Amino acid sequence: MKQEIKTSFTLSLLGAATLLAAQTVSAQDLVVKIGHVGPTSGAIAHLGKDNELGARMAIDELNAKGVVIGGKKVKLELLGEDDAGDPKQGTQAAQKLADSKVNGVVGHLNSGTTIPASKIYSDAGIPQISPSATNPKYTRNGYKTAFRVVADDVHLGGTLGRYAAKDLQGKSIAVIDDRTAYGQGVADEFEKGVKGAGGKIIGREFTNDKATDFSAILTSLKAKKPDIIFFGGMDAVAGPIIRQMKQLGLNAKLIGGDGICTAELPKLAAGTMGDGQVFCAEAGGVDASQKQAMEDFRARFKANTKLEVQVYAPYSYDAVGVLVAAMVKAGSAEPARYLPVLAKTEGYKGVTGTISFDAKGDIKNGALTLYTYKAGAREQLAVVR
């Protein structure tokens, strides 16, 4: 039996591209198409556009430096699709990219769209890296084409549950989720984390990702006097929840996952968020040694787009880099040829940290960053693994 060779992507995204550009190339450029799918319309369009802009920035920088795959100079193209955060539209977008014979896909943003789309990519043999989908089911369906560059909900929800019970010393903790694959999944793991840390869940309520009126849910919870409320969902719903908590005089801390952990949340809460009232975790984060690389990325992103990074733009950026690095290593952009190399990614140096995949396609030793909000801005508390 042949010994398995462990590949190592130790060059940076730009460093690798610079070296490759120096190699002999043919006169004919090879067009490599990378798809991106996210909600670029609807209530969380700011998050979908953030992801897409991160992917586009990676492609623009790689093209500027020059990439060579299998002896041919490559021109990378981004094919962007909008799934509006809707599973049906997500599968339609996935099929469109498969029909266009893209060489790889970055996306989707939401677990609820990523999971059904992953079967389409699997059937077509197209590698897919999600920069932000955290539901564990995504990489547990056995699809060899599915990868992600952030920690999953088992880690994220469980960590937040333990943090609520121990660090915040929550005595009466309530849970609300939006019934999406992401919201329900992270809420389930949060509840397990609370109970595992000896905490008490006093109630669980449900809403949906299109709702705007939470008075009945919040009034019911207020009677139970929670000191902490966990919300599994996105910032477009969390903002109105915070506003209505204030209106009802419900003085509890709000905790949520990466879906609410955005730069936009204070605006969506319309000035009703108290300092230190909201706590959240982003599925990702960099240690001190990687801080400068992330700060440099944020500065370049703002210079290029005139926008602040919301959450996962740098993870989309790294997802493109990982795909291209695997193509370069394999000497081919054909999915069937570079997929085995992608699966063995080990030690890729990205702006979000070191990326290596386990046998399921999950990132190894994924980080979480805990935040609170003060004076209308996110304030980092800690990076945990």
Protein backbone atom coordinates (compact mmCIF):
# COMPACT_ATOMS: atom_id res chain seq x y z
CA MET A 1 0.00 0.00 0.00
CA LYS A 2 1.35 3.39 -0.98
CA GLN A 3 2.23 5.69 1.85
CA GLU A 4 -0.09 8.68 1.90
CA ILE A 5 1.80 11.84 1.07
CA LYS A 6 0.87 14.78 3.21
CA THR A 7 0.75 18.00 1.24
CA SER A 8 1.72 21.29 2.81
CA PHE A 9 0.55 24.68 1.67
CA THR A 10 2.94 26.86 3.59
CA LEU A 11 3.16 29.72 1.15
CA SER A 12 0.93 32.72 1.55
CA LEU A 13 -1.74 33.43 -1.03
CA LEU A 14 0.22 36.22 -2.65
CA GLY A 15 3.64 34.65 -2.13
CA ALA A 16 2.60 31.49 -3.93
CA ALA A 17 1.11 33.49 -6.78
CA THR A 18 4.28 35.53 -7.21
CA LEU A 19 6.44 32.43 -7.47
CA LEU A 20 4.11 30.80 -9.95
CA ALA A 21 3.96 33.85 -12.14
CA ALA A 22 7.69 33.53 -12.70
CA GLN A 23 7.31 30.12 -14.35
CA THR A 24 7.14 29.62 -18.11
CA VAL A 25 3.60 30.05 -19.41
CA SER A 26 1.92 29.37 -22.70
CA ALA A 27 0.50 32.12 -24.87
CA GLN A 28 -3.03 30.86 -24.21
CA ASP A 29 -4.52 31.87 -20.86
CA LEU A 30 -6.51 29.23 -18.99
CA VAL A 31 -9.83 30.56 -17.67
CA VAL A 32 -10.68 29.18 -14.24
CA LYS A 33 -14.20 29.90 -13.01
CA ILE A 34 -14.93 30.09 -9.30
CA GLY A 35 -18.53 30.42 -8.19
CA HIS A 36 -19.73 32.34 -5.17
CA VAL A 37 -23.23 32.04 -3.70
CA GLY A 38 -24.73 34.07 -0.88
CA PRO A 39 -27.75 36.23 -0.07
CA THR A 40 -26.96 39.40 -2.01
CA SER A 41 -30.61 40.46 -1.76
CA GLY A 42 -33.02 40.44 1.16
CA ALA A 43 -32.67 41.21 4.87
CA ILE A 44 -29.13 39.88 5.23
CA ALA A 45 -27.79 41.11 1.89
CA HIS A 46 -25.07 43.04 3.74
CA LEU A 47 -23.64 39.69 4.88
CA GLY A 48 -23.89 38.03 1.47
CA LYS A 49 -22.24 40.98 -0.24
CA ASP A 50 -19.51 40.97 2.42
CA ASN A 51 -18.69 37.35 1.56
CA GLU A 52 -18.81 37.97 -2.18
CA LEU A 53 -16.55 41.00 -1.93
CA GLY A 54 -14.01 38.97 0.03
CA ALA A 55 -13.95 36.31 -2.69
CA ARG A 56 -13.70 38.94 -5.43
CA MET A 57 -10.81 40.65 -3.67
CA ALA A 58 -8.86 37.37 -3.58
CA ILE A 59 -9.44 36.82 -7.28
CA ASP A 60 -8.44 40.37 -8.20
CA GLU A 61 -5.23 40.14 -6.19
CA LEU A 62 -4.31 36.75 -7.62
CA ASN A 63 -4.94 37.93 -11.16
CA ALA A 64 -2.80 41.02 -10.54
CA LYS A 65 0.11 38.89 -9.31
CA GLY A 66 -0.33 36.14 -11.87
CA VAL A 67 -1.07 32.45 -11.31
CA VAL A 68 0.20 29.48 -13.32
CA ILE A 69 -1.50 26.09 -13.22
CA GLY A 70 -0.04 23.15 -15.14
CA GLY A 71 2.26 25.42 -17.14
CA LYS A 72 -0.49 27.77 -18.27
CA LYS A 73 -1.10 31.31 -17.13
CA VAL A 74 -4.49 31.47 -15.47
CA LYS A 75 -7.22 34.09 -15.56
CA LEU A 76 -9.55 33.65 -12.60
CA GLU A 77 -13.19 34.65 -12.98
CA LEU A 78 -15.82 34.97 -10.25
CA LEU A 79 -19.39 33.88 -11.07
CA GLY A 80 -21.62 35.38 -8.39
CA GLU A 81 -25.10 34.03 -7.65
CA ASP A 82 -27.77 35.26 -5.22
CA ASP A 83 -29.60 32.67 -3.10
CA ALA A 84 -31.46 35.27 -0.95
CA GLY A 85 -30.92 32.96 2.03
CA ASP A 86 -33.63 30.67 0.62
CA PRO A 87 -32.95 26.91 0.29
CA LYS A 88 -34.92 26.56 -2.96
CA GLN A 89 -33.19 29.51 -4.58
CA GLY A 90 -29.91 28.16 -3.21
CA THR A 91 -30.26 24.84 -5.01
CA GLN A 92 -31.21 26.67 -8.21
CA ALA A 93 -28.07 28.79 -7.92
CA ALA A 94 -25.99 25.68 -7.28
CA GLN A 95 -27.40 23.94 -10.34
CA LYS A 96 -26.69 27.02 -12.45
CA LEU A 97 -23.05 26.98 -11.36
CA ALA A 98 -22.80 23.25 -11.98
CA ASP A 99 -24.23 23.72 -15.48
CA SER A 100 -21.67 26.48 -16.05
CA LYS A 101 -18.96 23.95 -15.14
CA VAL A 102 -17.29 26.11 -12.55
CA ASN A 103 -13.99 24.76 -11.26
CA GLY A 104 -14.89 25.36 -7.61
CA VAL A 105 -17.39 27.11 -5.36
CA VAL A 106 -17.10 29.42 -2.36
CA GLY A 107 -20.38 29.44 -0.41
CA HIS A 108 -23.07 29.38 0.60
CA LEU A 109 -23.36 31.73 3.57
CA ASN A 110 -26.27 30.12 5.46
CA SER A 111 -26.36 26.52 6.62
CA GLY A 112 -29.94 26.26 5.37
CA THR A 113 -28.82 26.92 1.79
CA THR A 114 -25.38 25.33 2.01
CA ILE A 115 -26.61 21.89 3.05
CA PRO A 116 -29.10 21.23 0.21
CA ALA A 117 -26.75 22.83 -2.33
CA SER A 118 -23.90 20.55 -1.24
CA LYS A 119 -25.60 17.52 -2.82
CA ILE A 120 -25.71 19.26 -6.19
CA TYR A 121 -22.01 20.08 -6.02
CA SER A 122 -21.26 16.54 -4.87
CA ASP A 123 -23.21 15.04 -7.78
CA ALA A 124 -21.29 17.30 -10.18
CA GLY A 125 -17.96 16.56 -8.49
CA ILE A 126 -17.30 20.27 -7.81
CA PRO A 127 -15.34 21.21 -4.67
CA GLN A 128 -17.21 23.58 -2.35
CA ILE A 129 -15.77 25.56 0.55
CA SER A 130 -18.22 27.38 2.80
CA PRO A 131 -16.72 30.40 4.56
CA SER A 132 -19.51 30.64 7.12
CA ALA A 133 -21.99 27.70 7.28
CA THR A 134 -21.67 26.19 10.75
CA ASN A 135 -24.35 23.47 11.01
CA PRO A 136 -22.51 20.16 11.63
CA LYS A 137 -24.68 18.29 9.10
CA TYR A 138 -22.95 20.07 6.21
CA THR A 139 -19.77 17.99 6.50
CA ARG A 140 -21.42 14.90 7.94
CA ASN A 141 -23.39 13.85 4.85
CA GLY A 142 -20.38 12.03 3.43
CA TYR A 143 -19.85 14.34 0.47
CA LYS A 144 -16.16 14.39 -0.47
CA THR A 145 -16.60 17.81 -2.10
CA ALA A 146 -17.71 19.66 1.07
CA PHE A 147 -15.28 21.76 3.13
CA ARG A 148 -15.47 24.72 5.51
CA VAL A 149 -12.94 27.14 6.97
CA VAL A 150 -14.76 27.96 10.24
CA ALA A 151 -15.63 25.98 13.36
CA ASP A 152 -19.06 24.31 13.47
CA ASP A 153 -22.04 24.82 15.78
CA VAL A 154 -21.05 22.02 18.16
CA HIS A 155 -18.05 24.12 19.08
CA LEU A 156 -19.71 27.54 18.74
CA GLY A 157 -23.02 26.82 20.48
CA GLY A 158 -21.44 24.71 23.20
CA THR A 159 -18.82 27.36 23.96
CA LEU A 160 -21.49 30.07 24.22
CA GLY A 161 -23.62 27.87 26.48
CA ARG A 162 -20.74 27.31 28.88
CA TYR A 163 -19.85 31.01 28.73
CA ALA A 164 -23.43 31.99 29.63
CA ALA A 165 -23.62 29.62 32.59
CA LYS A 166 -20.12 30.09 33.98
CA ASP A 167 -18.57 33.41 32.90
CA LEU A 168 -21.82 35.40 32.81
CA GLN A 169 -23.24 33.38 35.72
CA GLY A 170 -26.68 33.08 34.15
CA LYS A 171 -29.19 31.60 36.56
CA SER A 172 -32.32 31.71 34.37
CA ILE A 173 -31.55 31.28 30.68
CA ALA A 174 -34.13 31.35 27.89
CA VAL A 175 -33.67 30.32 24.25
CA ILE A 176 -35.27 31.60 21.04
CA ASP A 177 -34.46 30.24 17.58
CA ASP A 178 -35.65 31.05 14.07
CA ARG A 179 -36.21 27.41 13.01
CA THR A 180 -33.61 27.60 10.23
CA ALA A 181 -30.91 24.93 9.97
CA TYR A 182 -28.44 27.42 11.41
CA GLY A 183 -30.64 28.98 14.09
CA GLN A 184 -32.08 25.77 15.46
CA GLY A 185 -28.75 23.96 15.24
CA VAL A 186 -26.75 26.54 17.17
CA ALA A 187 -29.56 26.93 19.74
CA ASP A 188 -29.60 23.16 20.35
CA GLU A 189 -25.86 23.15 20.96
CA PHE A 190 -26.12 26.23 23.21
CA GLU A 191 -28.75 24.48 25.33
CA LYS A 192 -26.50 21.42 25.67
CA GLY A 193 -23.60 23.66 26.68
CA VAL A 194 -25.67 25.42 29.36
CA LYS A 195 -26.91 22.16 30.84
CA GLY A 196 -23.45 20.61 30.69
CA ALA A 197 -22.12 23.55 32.72
CA GLY A 198 -24.84 23.15 35.34
CA GLY A 199 -27.03 25.98 34.07
CA LYS A 200 -30.82 26.08 33.84
CA ILE A 201 -32.98 26.64 30.73
CA ILE A 202 -36.29 28.16 31.82
CA GLY A 203 -38.00 28.35 28.43
CA ARG A 204 -37.61 27.93 24.68
CA GLU A 205 -39.51 29.87 22.06
CA PHE A 206 -39.57 29.80 18.26
CA THR A 207 -39.93 32.40 15.53
CA ASN A 208 -38.88 32.55 11.86
CA ASP A 209 -36.27 34.43 9.88
CA LYS A 210 -38.86 36.80 8.34
CA ALA A 211 -40.62 37.82 11.57
CA THR A 212 -40.70 41.40 12.88
CA ASP A 213 -43.05 41.24 15.89
CA PHE A 214 -41.78 39.37 18.94
CA SER A 215 -44.02 40.89 21.61
CA ALA A 216 -45.87 37.63 22.39
CA ILE A 217 -42.64 35.62 22.72
CA LEU A 218 -40.88 38.27 24.80
CA THR A 219 -43.90 38.88 27.04
CA SER A 220 -44.09 35.15 27.75
CA LEU A 221 -40.39 35.04 28.59
CA LYS A 222 -40.53 38.21 30.72
CA ALA A 223 -42.92 36.46 33.11
CA LYS A 224 -40.21 33.83 33.70
CA LYS A 225 -37.64 36.54 34.60
CA PRO A 226 -34.66 35.41 32.52
CA ASP A 227 -31.31 37.05 33.11
CA ILE A 228 -29.98 35.81 29.73
CA ILE A 229 -31.76 35.19 26.43
CA PHE A 230 -30.03 33.27 23.65
CA PHE A 231 -31.13 33.91 20.06
CA GLY A 232 -30.30 31.46 17.28
CA GLY A 233 -30.67 33.43 14.06
CA MET A 234 -29.40 36.42 12.11
CA ASP A 235 -28.83 40.09 12.91
CA ALA A 236 -31.83 41.26 10.83
CA VAL A 237 -34.09 39.57 13.41
CA ALA A 238 -31.89 40.13 16.47
CA GLY A 239 -32.01 43.91 16.00
CA PRO A 240 -35.82 44.13 16.36
CA ILE A 241 -35.70 41.68 19.26
CA ILE A 242 -33.33 44.01 21.13
CA ARG A 243 -35.58 47.00 20.37
CA GLN A 244 -38.68 45.21 21.62
CA MET A 245 -36.90 43.93 24.73
CA LYS A 246 -36.21 47.56 25.57
CA GLN A 247 -39.84 48.55 24.94
CA LEU A 248 -41.12 45.78 27.22
CA GLY A 249 -38.62 46.54 29.98
CA LEU A 250 -37.08 43.08 29.63
CA ASN A 251 -33.69 43.64 31.23
CA ALA A 252 -31.78 40.55 30.16
CA LYS A 253 -28.50 40.02 28.35
CA LEU A 254 -28.80 38.75 24.77
CA ILE A 255 -26.39 36.13 23.49
CA GLY A 256 -26.09 34.86 19.93
CA GLY A 257 -23.83 33.14 17.46
CA ASP A 258 -22.05 34.49 14.43
CA GLY A 259 -25.35 35.32 12.71
CA ILE A 260 -25.87 38.30 15.02
CA CYS A 261 -22.18 39.09 15.56
CA THR A 262 -21.97 41.81 12.91
CA ALA A 263 -20.98 45.43 12.55
CA GLU A 264 -24.56 46.16 11.46
CA LEU A 265 -26.28 44.94 14.65
CA PRO A 266 -26.15 48.27 16.57
CA LYS A 267 -27.86 50.01 13.63
CA LEU A 268 -30.51 47.28 13.44
CA ALA A 269 -31.11 47.72 17.18
CA ALA A 270 -31.68 51.45 16.53
CA GLY A 271 -29.79 52.74 19.53
CA THR A 272 -31.51 50.52 22.11
CA MET A 273 -28.53 48.26 22.80
CA GLY A 274 -26.90 48.86 26.17
CA ASP A 275 -23.15 48.60 26.67
CA GLY A 276 -22.26 45.04 27.62
CA GLN A 277 -25.82 43.84 27.01
CA VAL A 278 -25.08 41.73 23.94
CA PHE A 279 -22.53 38.92 23.71
CA CYS A 280 -21.79 36.87 20.62
CA ALA A 281 -19.23 34.58 19.05
CA GLU A 282 -17.81 34.58 15.55
CA ALA A 283 -16.87 31.18 14.15
CA GLY A 284 -13.28 32.10 13.48
CA GLY A 285 -10.66 34.41 14.85
CA VAL A 286 -6.96 35.03 14.89
CA ASP A 287 -4.39 34.76 17.64
CA ALA A 288 -1.85 37.48 18.35
CA SER A 289 0.60 36.17 15.74
CA GLN A 290 -2.01 36.55 12.99
CA LYS A 291 -3.45 39.87 14.10
CA GLN A 292 -1.38 42.01 11.74
CA ALA A 293 -2.36 39.95 8.67
CA MET A 294 -6.04 40.37 9.54
CA GLU A 295 -5.66 44.11 10.15
CA ASP A 296 -3.89 44.47 6.81
CA PHE A 297 -6.75 42.62 5.11
CA ARG A 298 -9.36 44.85 6.72
CA ALA A 299 -7.48 47.94 5.58
CA ARG A 300 -7.21 46.67 1.99
CA PHE A 301 -10.87 45.65 2.01
CA LYS A 302 -11.98 49.12 3.10
CA ALA A 303 -9.70 50.80 0.58
CA ASN A 304 -11.10 48.64 -2.23
CA THR A 305 -14.79 48.58 -1.30
CA LYS A 306 -15.26 51.69 0.91
CA LEU A 307 -16.97 49.32 3.36
CA GLU A 308 -16.09 47.78 6.71
CA VAL A 309 -15.78 44.01 6.95
CA GLN A 310 -19.04 42.63 8.36
CA VAL A 311 -17.99 39.14 9.43
CA TYR A 312 -16.84 36.57 6.91
CA ALA A 313 -15.22 38.43 3.99
CA PRO A 314 -11.74 37.29 5.09
CA TYR A 315 -12.92 33.67 5.21
CA SER A 316 -14.26 33.93 1.65
CA TYR A 317 -10.91 35.43 0.67
CA ASP A 318 -9.05 32.49 2.20
CA ALA A 319 -11.47 29.97 0.69
CA VAL A 320 -10.54 31.21 -2.79
CA GLY A 321 -6.87 31.01 -1.84
CA VAL A 322 -7.18 27.42 -0.62
CA LEU A 323 -8.97 26.34 -3.81
CA VAL A 324 -6.35 27.95 -6.05
CA ALA A 325 -3.45 26.59 -3.98
CA ALA A 326 -4.83 23.06 -4.43
CA MET A 327 -5.18 23.59 -8.18
CA VAL A 328 -1.58 24.79 -8.37
CA LYS A 329 -0.30 21.86 -6.32
CA ALA A 330 -2.24 19.39 -8.48
CA GLY A 331 -1.15 21.11 -11.71
CA SER A 332 -4.78 21.17 -12.81
CA ALA A 333 -7.98 23.14 -12.29
CA GLU A 334 -10.07 20.08 -13.17
CA PRO A 335 -12.13 19.25 -10.06
CA ALA A 336 -11.47 15.50 -10.25
CA ARG A 337 -7.71 16.09 -10.32
CA TYR A 338 -7.31 18.74 -7.65
CA LEU A 339 -10.02 17.55 -5.21
CA PRO A 340 -7.76 14.88 -3.60
CA VAL A 341 -5.09 17.55 -3.08
CA LEU A 342 -7.63 19.97 -1.61
CA ALA A 343 -8.77 17.32 0.87
CA LYS A 344 -5.17 17.00 2.14
CA THR A 345 -4.71 20.74 2.68
CA GLU A 346 -2.36 21.10 5.62
CA GLY A 347 -0.85 24.29 6.98
CA TYR A 348 -2.16 26.80 4.45
CA LYS A 349 -1.29 30.28 5.74
CA GLY A 350 -4.30 32.55 5.30
CA VAL A 351 -5.32 35.92 6.68
CA THR A 352 -7.68 34.07 9.06
CA GLY A 353 -4.91 31.81 10.35
CA THR A 354 -3.58 28.37 9.45
CA ILE A 355 -6.01 26.18 7.51
CA SER A 356 -5.90 22.38 7.54
CA PHE A 357 -8.80 20.01 6.84
CA ASP A 358 -9.76 16.88 8.73
CA ALA A 359 -11.22 13.75 7.14
CA LYS A 360 -14.75 15.27 7.10
CA GLY A 361 -13.65 18.51 5.43
CA ASP A 362 -13.86 20.54 8.65
CA ILE A 363 -11.12 22.94 9.65
CA LYS A 364 -8.81 21.50 12.28
CA ASN A 365 -8.61 23.32 15.62
CA GLY A 366 -11.07 25.99 14.53
CA ALA A 367 -11.10 29.21 16.54
CA LEU A 368 -13.95 31.22 18.00
CA THR A 369 -13.87 34.91 18.87
CA LEU A 370 -16.05 36.18 21.71
CA TYR A 371 -17.34 39.76 21.50
CA THR A 372 -19.52 42.24 23.30
CA TYR A 373 -20.72 45.68 22.14
CA LYS A 374 -19.85 49.02 23.67
CA ALA A 375 -20.65 52.50 22.35
CA GLY A 376 -22.22 50.93 19.26
CA ALA A 377 -19.13 48.93 18.25
CA ARG A 378 -17.93 45.38 18.68
CA GLU A 379 -15.28 44.83 21.33
CA GLN A 380 -13.28 41.62 21.32
CA LEU A 381 -13.20 39.65 24.56
CA ALA A 382 -11.17 36.56 23.71
CA VAL A 383 -10.16 34.04 21.06
CA VAL A 384 -10.84 30.46 22.15
CA ARG A 385 -10.22 27.07 20.57
